[in-house]
Amino acid sequence: MTALKIVDLRSDTVTQPTAAMRVAMAAAPLGDDVFGTDPSVNALQQKIADMLGFEAALFVPTGTQSNLCAILSHCGRGDEYIVGQQAHAYRWEGGGAAVFGSVQPQPLDHANDGTLPIAAIEAAIKPDDAHFARTKLLALENTLGGKLLPFAYVQAATDLAKAKGLQRHLDGARLFNAAVAQSATTGNDARTEASRIAGCFDSASVCFSKGLGAPIGSALCGSREFIARAHRIRKMAGGGMRQSGLLAAAATHALDHHIDRLADDHAMAKRLAAGLADIDGLNVESPQTNIVFIDLTGAAKARSAELLASLNAQGILATGLYRLRFVTHLDVDAAGVDRAVSAVRGFFNA
């Protein structure tokens, strides 16, 4: 009996390195990055900094560590950062800034489009008074839950922060998904749009191990002085790696070959959403990028775990931590999407 091919829609972090990426990794010249002498790491850091319009960059193992280094480089003990309730840096990273840096988050509710209302940001900025934590940073995430933050909003929010003396950090774990989606409306190429988005911020974190398809790694970008502070924090957090050029080479290959193809993932997400849109008991959120959220409604609401188990038995993996989530990526093709649609339909038609 032939085993079912797994259709893994849990996250775009599950991608496997392509054959060409493995060749690039095997051929990477190596040094010791703790000594600053790994040529592949140094080349990647300069490449991503130049691409996004920053002076310098730092290669780190994870996006969580990248955000931690950013917040602790912008803020000190007793400072606070303004952030969204659903932002990864606040909700999904174990409270690291508070635990390791004594930096207080000031979470705000999102509007339906994923933005933090400008008036709410302004109201959250504390006066210079000993009763309050010192508001030092605005942190935005783009995309947020697969939603593209409108560029005019990003400009307005970061302009406000700058006018109020705040630093501005972008959690751009899926920045290039945002850039590809934005390029569809502006006519610019995705690299230009990524630079335009990042240019609104003092620092930006980019993940290579999501839609770009590298196995490991993120980069934190900023000024040379900022990256020097972040480098020290990376060391304290255990993020100094040795011959990490193997991983940097994968990230460089991804930047060279996998940005434009993110449009394929967005198309697959739309195909999936369209296939599920008319099923009774499902409310399918129309995707803007590569993430499809689904809410079970009515009598179906209590069947989330049952649905996930049924899909899993058919070799289709998804998550349902708080909503059903399906994420498309370079290892999911049209046949896989159609299998997922058929399996969900079969569950509700049984």
Protein backbone atom coordinates (compact mmCIF):
# COMPACT_ATOMS: atom_id res chain seq x y z
CA MET A 1 0.00 0.00 0.00
CA THR A 2 1.43 3.39 -1.03
CA ALA A 3 1.67 5.89 1.82
CA LEU A 4 -0.18 9.14 1.34
CA LYS A 5 1.98 12.11 0.48
CA ILE A 6 1.73 14.59 3.34
CA VAL A 7 0.17 17.96 2.53
CA ASP A 8 1.58 20.06 5.34
CA LEU A 9 -0.43 23.26 5.75
CA ARG A 10 0.52 23.92 9.38
CA SER A 11 2.98 26.68 8.56
CA ASP A 12 5.39 27.94 5.94
CA THR A 13 8.15 27.05 8.43
CA VAL A 14 7.88 23.38 7.43
CA THR A 15 9.47 23.86 4.01
CA GLN A 16 12.39 21.65 3.03
CA PRO A 17 15.47 23.11 1.30
CA THR A 18 15.25 22.74 -2.45
CA ALA A 19 17.88 20.73 -4.32
CA ALA A 20 19.47 23.95 -5.59
CA MET A 21 19.53 25.39 -2.08
CA ARG A 22 21.29 22.28 -0.78
CA VAL A 23 23.94 22.68 -3.49
CA ALA A 24 24.46 26.32 -2.44
CA MET A 25 24.79 25.25 1.20
CA ALA A 26 27.34 22.56 0.37
CA ALA A 27 29.44 25.01 -1.64
CA ALA A 28 29.39 27.83 0.94
CA PRO A 29 32.79 29.18 2.03
CA LEU A 30 32.95 29.04 5.82
CA GLY A 31 34.67 30.75 8.71
CA ASP A 32 33.75 31.40 12.35
CA ASP A 33 30.95 33.92 12.74
CA VAL A 34 31.62 34.47 16.44
CA PHE A 35 34.98 35.87 15.32
CA GLY A 36 33.19 37.69 12.49
CA THR A 37 35.10 35.75 9.84
CA ASP A 38 32.46 33.64 8.13
CA PRO A 39 32.38 35.07 4.60
CA SER A 40 28.96 33.62 3.77
CA VAL A 41 27.38 35.20 6.87
CA ASN A 42 29.06 38.53 6.21
CA ALA A 43 27.87 38.50 2.60
CA LEU A 44 24.30 37.71 3.64
CA GLN A 45 24.26 40.45 6.27
CA GLN A 46 25.46 43.03 3.77
CA LYS A 47 23.03 41.77 1.12
CA ILE A 48 19.90 42.02 3.26
CA ALA A 49 20.98 45.37 4.74
CA ASP A 50 21.52 46.82 1.26
CA MET A 51 18.28 45.30 -0.03
CA LEU A 52 16.22 46.95 2.72
CA GLY A 53 18.14 50.22 2.90
CA PHE A 54 19.93 49.82 6.25
CA GLU A 55 23.57 50.27 7.23
CA ALA A 56 24.04 46.84 8.77
CA ALA A 57 22.40 43.52 9.62
CA LEU A 58 22.84 40.63 12.02
CA PHE A 59 22.17 36.97 11.19
CA VAL A 60 20.37 35.19 14.04
CA PRO A 61 18.94 31.69 14.47
CA THR A 62 15.27 32.67 14.84
CA GLY A 63 12.77 35.45 14.38
CA THR A 64 12.01 35.32 18.09
CA GLN A 65 15.64 36.05 18.90
CA SER A 66 15.71 38.78 16.27
CA ASN A 67 12.74 40.56 17.85
CA LEU A 68 14.24 40.10 21.32
CA CYS A 69 17.54 41.62 20.21
CA ALA A 70 15.66 44.50 18.59
CA ILE A 71 13.47 45.37 21.56
CA LEU A 72 16.33 45.12 24.06
CA SER A 73 18.54 47.25 21.79
CA HIS A 74 15.89 49.96 21.53
CA CYS A 75 14.71 49.81 25.16
CA GLY A 76 16.19 49.55 28.64
CA ARG A 77 14.88 48.39 31.99
CA GLY A 78 11.73 50.27 32.89
CA ASP A 79 10.97 51.22 29.28
CA GLU A 80 7.95 50.02 27.33
CA TYR A 81 7.05 49.25 23.75
CA ILE A 82 3.66 49.68 22.08
CA VAL A 83 2.58 46.54 20.23
CA GLY A 84 -0.54 44.75 19.02
CA GLN A 85 -2.40 42.15 21.07
CA GLN A 86 -1.94 39.60 18.27
CA ALA A 87 1.60 40.60 17.35
CA HIS A 88 4.11 37.77 17.42
CA ALA A 89 6.59 39.77 19.49
CA TYR A 90 3.99 40.17 22.22
CA ARG A 91 1.74 37.11 22.11
CA TRP A 92 3.84 34.27 20.77
CA GLU A 93 7.40 34.82 22.03
CA GLY A 94 7.09 33.84 25.68
CA GLY A 95 7.21 37.39 27.03
CA GLY A 96 10.94 37.47 26.33
CA ALA A 97 11.41 41.24 26.42
CA ALA A 98 9.77 41.40 29.84
CA VAL A 99 11.50 38.29 31.18
CA PHE A 100 15.02 39.02 29.96
CA GLY A 101 15.04 42.80 29.64
CA SER A 102 12.44 44.14 32.10
CA VAL A 103 10.85 45.92 29.15
CA GLN A 104 7.10 46.33 29.55
CA PRO A 105 4.78 45.71 26.61
CA GLN A 106 1.82 48.02 26.10
CA PRO A 107 -0.50 45.89 23.95
CA LEU A 108 -3.27 47.50 21.91
CA ASP A 109 -6.31 45.97 20.21
CA HIS A 110 -6.14 45.61 16.45
CA ALA A 111 -8.69 46.98 14.03
CA ASN A 112 -10.25 44.42 11.69
CA ASP A 113 -7.60 45.07 9.04
CA GLY A 114 -4.79 44.28 11.48
CA THR A 115 -3.74 47.88 12.07
CA LEU A 116 -3.38 49.57 15.44
CA PRO A 117 -5.58 52.69 15.35
CA ILE A 118 -3.45 55.83 15.16
CA ALA A 119 -5.45 57.50 17.93
CA ALA A 120 -4.91 54.46 20.16
CA ILE A 121 -1.15 54.57 19.56
CA GLU A 122 -1.01 58.25 20.43
CA ALA A 123 -3.12 57.75 23.56
CA ALA A 124 -0.85 54.93 24.73
CA ILE A 125 2.30 57.06 24.71
CA LYS A 126 2.99 57.88 28.35
CA PRO A 127 3.87 61.37 29.59
CA ASP A 128 7.30 61.97 31.08
CA ASP A 129 6.27 61.21 34.66
CA ALA A 130 7.77 58.95 37.30
CA HIS A 131 4.47 57.08 37.63
CA PHE A 132 4.83 55.58 34.16
CA ALA A 133 7.13 53.34 32.23
CA ARG A 134 9.05 55.27 29.57
CA THR A 135 7.45 54.73 26.15
CA LYS A 136 10.37 54.16 23.79
CA LEU A 137 9.26 52.00 20.86
CA LEU A 138 6.45 51.23 18.45
CA ALA A 139 6.56 47.68 17.09
CA LEU A 140 4.44 46.74 14.06
CA GLU A 141 4.19 43.41 12.24
CA ASN A 142 3.71 43.13 8.47
CA THR A 143 2.15 40.87 7.42
CA LEU A 144 0.03 40.26 10.51
CA GLY A 145 -1.85 36.98 10.37
CA GLY A 146 -1.37 37.06 6.62
CA LYS A 147 -2.84 40.57 6.31
CA LEU A 148 -0.94 43.30 4.53
CA LEU A 149 -0.81 46.53 6.52
CA PRO A 150 -1.78 49.34 4.12
CA PHE A 151 1.33 51.33 3.24
CA ALA A 152 -0.33 54.68 3.93
CA TYR A 153 -1.13 53.41 7.42
CA VAL A 154 2.45 52.21 7.98
CA GLN A 155 3.69 55.67 7.00
CA ALA A 156 1.20 57.45 9.26
CA ALA A 157 1.85 55.24 12.29
CA THR A 158 5.63 55.42 12.01
CA ASP A 159 5.55 59.17 11.32
CA LEU A 160 3.55 59.64 14.53
CA ALA A 161 6.03 57.53 16.47
CA LYS A 162 8.97 59.50 15.12
CA ALA A 163 7.29 62.81 15.91
CA LYS A 164 6.73 61.62 19.48
CA GLY A 165 10.37 60.58 19.87
CA LEU A 166 9.76 56.82 19.66
CA GLN A 167 11.93 54.31 17.86
CA ARG A 168 10.18 52.10 15.30
CA HIS A 169 10.67 48.35 14.82
CA LEU A 170 9.22 46.16 12.09
CA ASP A 171 8.62 42.49 12.73
CA GLY A 172 8.86 41.59 9.08
CA ALA A 173 8.92 37.83 9.52
CA ARG A 174 6.88 37.70 6.31
CA LEU A 175 8.02 41.06 4.93
CA PHE A 176 8.53 39.67 1.45
CA ASN A 177 4.99 38.25 1.42
CA ALA A 178 3.84 41.76 2.25
CA ALA A 179 6.06 43.20 -0.48
CA VAL A 180 4.77 40.78 -3.12
CA ALA A 181 1.17 41.59 -2.20
CA GLN A 182 1.89 45.32 -2.21
CA SER A 183 3.68 45.14 -5.55
CA ALA A 184 0.47 43.81 -7.10
CA THR A 185 -1.14 47.19 -6.44
CA THR A 186 1.80 49.52 -7.12
CA GLY A 187 3.39 47.88 -10.14
CA ASN A 188 6.82 48.00 -8.48
CA ASP A 189 8.87 44.87 -8.02
CA ALA A 190 8.75 43.14 -4.65
CA ARG A 191 12.28 44.17 -3.64
CA THR A 192 11.39 47.82 -4.12
CA GLU A 193 8.26 47.41 -2.01
CA ALA A 194 10.18 45.59 0.73
CA SER A 195 12.61 48.52 0.88
CA ARG A 196 9.76 51.05 0.96
CA ILE A 197 8.09 49.27 3.87
CA ALA A 198 11.33 48.79 5.81
CA GLY A 199 12.31 52.40 5.16
CA CYS A 200 9.57 53.54 7.54
CA PHE A 201 11.37 51.89 10.48
CA ASP A 202 14.57 52.22 12.49
CA SER A 203 14.99 48.44 12.55
CA ALA A 204 13.49 45.47 10.74
CA SER A 205 13.51 41.73 11.31
CA VAL A 206 13.18 39.37 8.34
CA CYS A 207 12.69 35.60 8.54
CA PHE A 208 14.30 33.32 5.97
CA SER A 209 12.72 30.07 7.20
CA LYS A 210 9.10 30.85 6.38
CA GLY A 211 7.92 31.49 2.83
CA LEU A 212 11.44 32.05 1.55
CA GLY A 213 12.12 28.39 2.30
CA ALA A 214 15.49 28.39 4.07
CA PRO A 215 15.84 25.85 6.88
CA ILE A 216 16.92 28.25 9.64
CA GLY A 217 17.57 31.90 10.27
CA SER A 218 16.44 35.51 10.41
CA ALA A 219 18.18 38.84 10.02
CA LEU A 220 17.88 42.00 12.08
CA CYS A 221 18.64 45.20 10.17
CA GLY A 222 19.39 48.69 11.45
CA SER A 223 22.12 51.27 11.91
CA ARG A 224 25.67 50.13 12.64
CA GLU A 225 25.38 51.39 16.22
CA PHE A 226 22.07 49.57 16.71
CA ILE A 227 23.42 46.31 15.26
CA ALA A 228 26.48 46.54 17.54
CA ARG A 229 24.11 46.61 20.53
CA ALA A 230 22.07 43.76 19.08
CA HIS A 231 25.24 41.71 18.50
CA ARG A 232 26.02 41.86 22.22
CA ILE A 233 22.49 40.77 23.09
CA ARG A 234 22.65 37.94 20.56
CA LYS A 235 25.73 36.67 22.35
CA MET A 236 23.99 36.80 25.74
CA ALA A 237 20.98 34.99 24.28
CA GLY A 238 23.17 32.16 22.96
CA GLY A 239 22.76 33.12 19.33
CA GLY A 240 26.43 33.24 18.39
CA MET A 241 26.98 30.40 15.92
CA ARG A 242 30.25 29.18 14.42
CA GLN A 243 30.32 27.93 10.80
CA SER A 244 26.84 29.33 10.23
CA GLY A 245 27.66 30.18 6.64
CA LEU A 246 25.99 26.88 5.73
CA LEU A 247 22.73 28.44 6.88
CA ALA A 248 23.53 31.89 5.53
CA ALA A 249 24.09 30.40 2.09
CA ALA A 250 20.58 28.94 2.17
CA ALA A 251 19.17 32.35 3.09
CA THR A 252 21.14 34.04 0.31
CA HIS A 253 19.84 31.48 -2.19
CA ALA A 254 16.31 32.18 -0.96
CA LEU A 255 16.74 35.93 -1.47
CA ASP A 256 18.06 35.34 -4.97
CA HIS A 257 15.48 32.78 -6.10
CA HIS A 258 12.40 32.59 -3.85
CA ILE A 259 11.02 36.12 -3.46
CA ASP A 260 9.01 36.42 -6.66
CA ARG A 261 7.66 32.87 -6.35
CA LEU A 262 5.81 33.90 -3.16
CA ALA A 263 3.07 35.02 -5.56
CA ASP A 264 2.50 31.32 -6.28
CA ASP A 265 1.84 30.70 -2.57
CA HIS A 266 -0.64 33.57 -2.51
CA ALA A 267 -2.42 32.07 -5.52
CA MET A 268 -2.58 28.67 -3.79
CA ALA A 269 -4.10 30.28 -0.68
CA LYS A 270 -6.77 31.91 -2.83
CA ARG A 271 -7.42 28.57 -4.55
CA LEU A 272 -7.87 26.91 -1.15
CA ALA A 273 -10.18 29.63 0.15
CA ALA A 274 -12.29 29.55 -2.98
CA GLY A 275 -12.64 25.78 -2.72
CA LEU A 276 -13.95 26.01 0.84
CA ALA A 277 -16.00 29.18 0.56
CA ASP A 278 -19.47 27.67 0.09
CA ILE A 279 -19.36 24.94 2.76
CA ASP A 280 -22.07 25.29 5.40
CA GLY A 281 -20.56 25.74 8.84
CA LEU A 282 -17.37 27.40 7.61
CA ASN A 283 -16.56 31.09 7.56
CA VAL A 284 -13.52 31.46 5.32
CA GLU A 285 -11.51 34.66 5.58
CA SER A 286 -10.37 35.80 2.15
CA PRO A 287 -6.55 35.61 2.13
CA GLN A 288 -4.34 38.51 1.16
CA THR A 289 -1.14 36.48 1.14
CA ASN A 290 -0.41 32.83 2.01
CA ILE A 291 -2.50 32.26 5.16
CA VAL A 292 -6.14 31.15 5.21
CA PHE A 293 -8.08 31.43 8.48
CA ILE A 294 -11.32 29.52 8.91
CA ASP A 295 -13.90 29.76 11.67
CA LEU A 296 -16.39 26.96 12.30
CA THR A 297 -19.86 28.31 12.91
CA GLY A 298 -23.20 27.02 14.18
CA ALA A 299 -23.40 23.30 14.84
CA ALA A 300 -19.96 22.82 13.28
CA LYS A 301 -18.29 25.00 15.90
CA ALA A 302 -17.64 22.11 18.28
CA ARG A 303 -16.09 19.91 15.57
CA SER A 304 -12.74 21.64 15.13
CA ALA A 305 -10.66 18.89 16.76
CA GLU A 306 -12.65 16.22 14.91
CA LEU A 307 -12.00 17.96 11.59
CA LEU A 308 -8.28 18.26 12.25
CA ALA A 309 -8.10 14.58 13.20
CA SER A 310 -9.91 13.61 10.02
CA LEU A 311 -7.55 15.69 7.90
CA ASN A 312 -4.53 14.26 9.69
CA ALA A 313 -5.72 10.71 8.97
CA GLN A 314 -5.74 11.63 5.27
CA GLY A 315 -2.23 13.08 5.33
CA ILE A 316 -3.30 16.72 5.50
CA LEU A 317 -1.87 18.74 8.38
CA ALA A 318 -3.27 22.02 9.69
CA THR A 319 -3.44 23.87 13.00
CA GLY A 320 -6.33 25.00 15.15
CA LEU A 321 -4.79 26.68 18.18
CA TYR A 322 -7.40 29.45 18.21
CA ARG A 323 -8.78 29.38 14.67
CA LEU A 324 -8.28 26.88 11.88
CA ARG A 325 -5.23 27.98 9.91
CA PHE A 326 -3.92 26.74 6.58
CA VAL A 327 -0.62 28.11 5.27
CA THR A 328 0.62 27.61 1.71
CA HIS A 329 4.30 27.48 0.78
CA LEU A 330 6.75 26.19 -1.80
CA ASP A 331 6.12 22.54 -0.86
CA VAL A 332 2.35 22.79 -1.47
CA ASP A 333 1.11 22.60 -5.05
CA ALA A 334 -2.32 22.77 -6.66
CA ALA A 335 -2.84 19.03 -6.28
CA GLY A 336 -2.18 19.30 -2.54
CA VAL A 337 -4.56 22.21 -2.17
CA ASP A 338 -7.26 20.31 -4.06
CA ARG A 339 -6.74 17.29 -1.81
CA ALA A 340 -7.24 19.50 1.23
CA VAL A 341 -10.42 20.99 -0.23
CA SER A 342 -11.77 17.55 -1.06
CA ALA A 343 -10.99 16.25 2.44
CA VAL A 344 -12.75 19.14 4.16
CA ARG A 345 -15.76 18.77 1.88
CA GLY A 346 -15.86 15.05 2.53
CA PHE A 347 -15.83 15.63 6.29
CA PHE A 348 -18.86 17.91 6.16
CA ASN A 349 -20.70 15.78 3.64
CA ALA A 350 -20.25 12.55 5.57
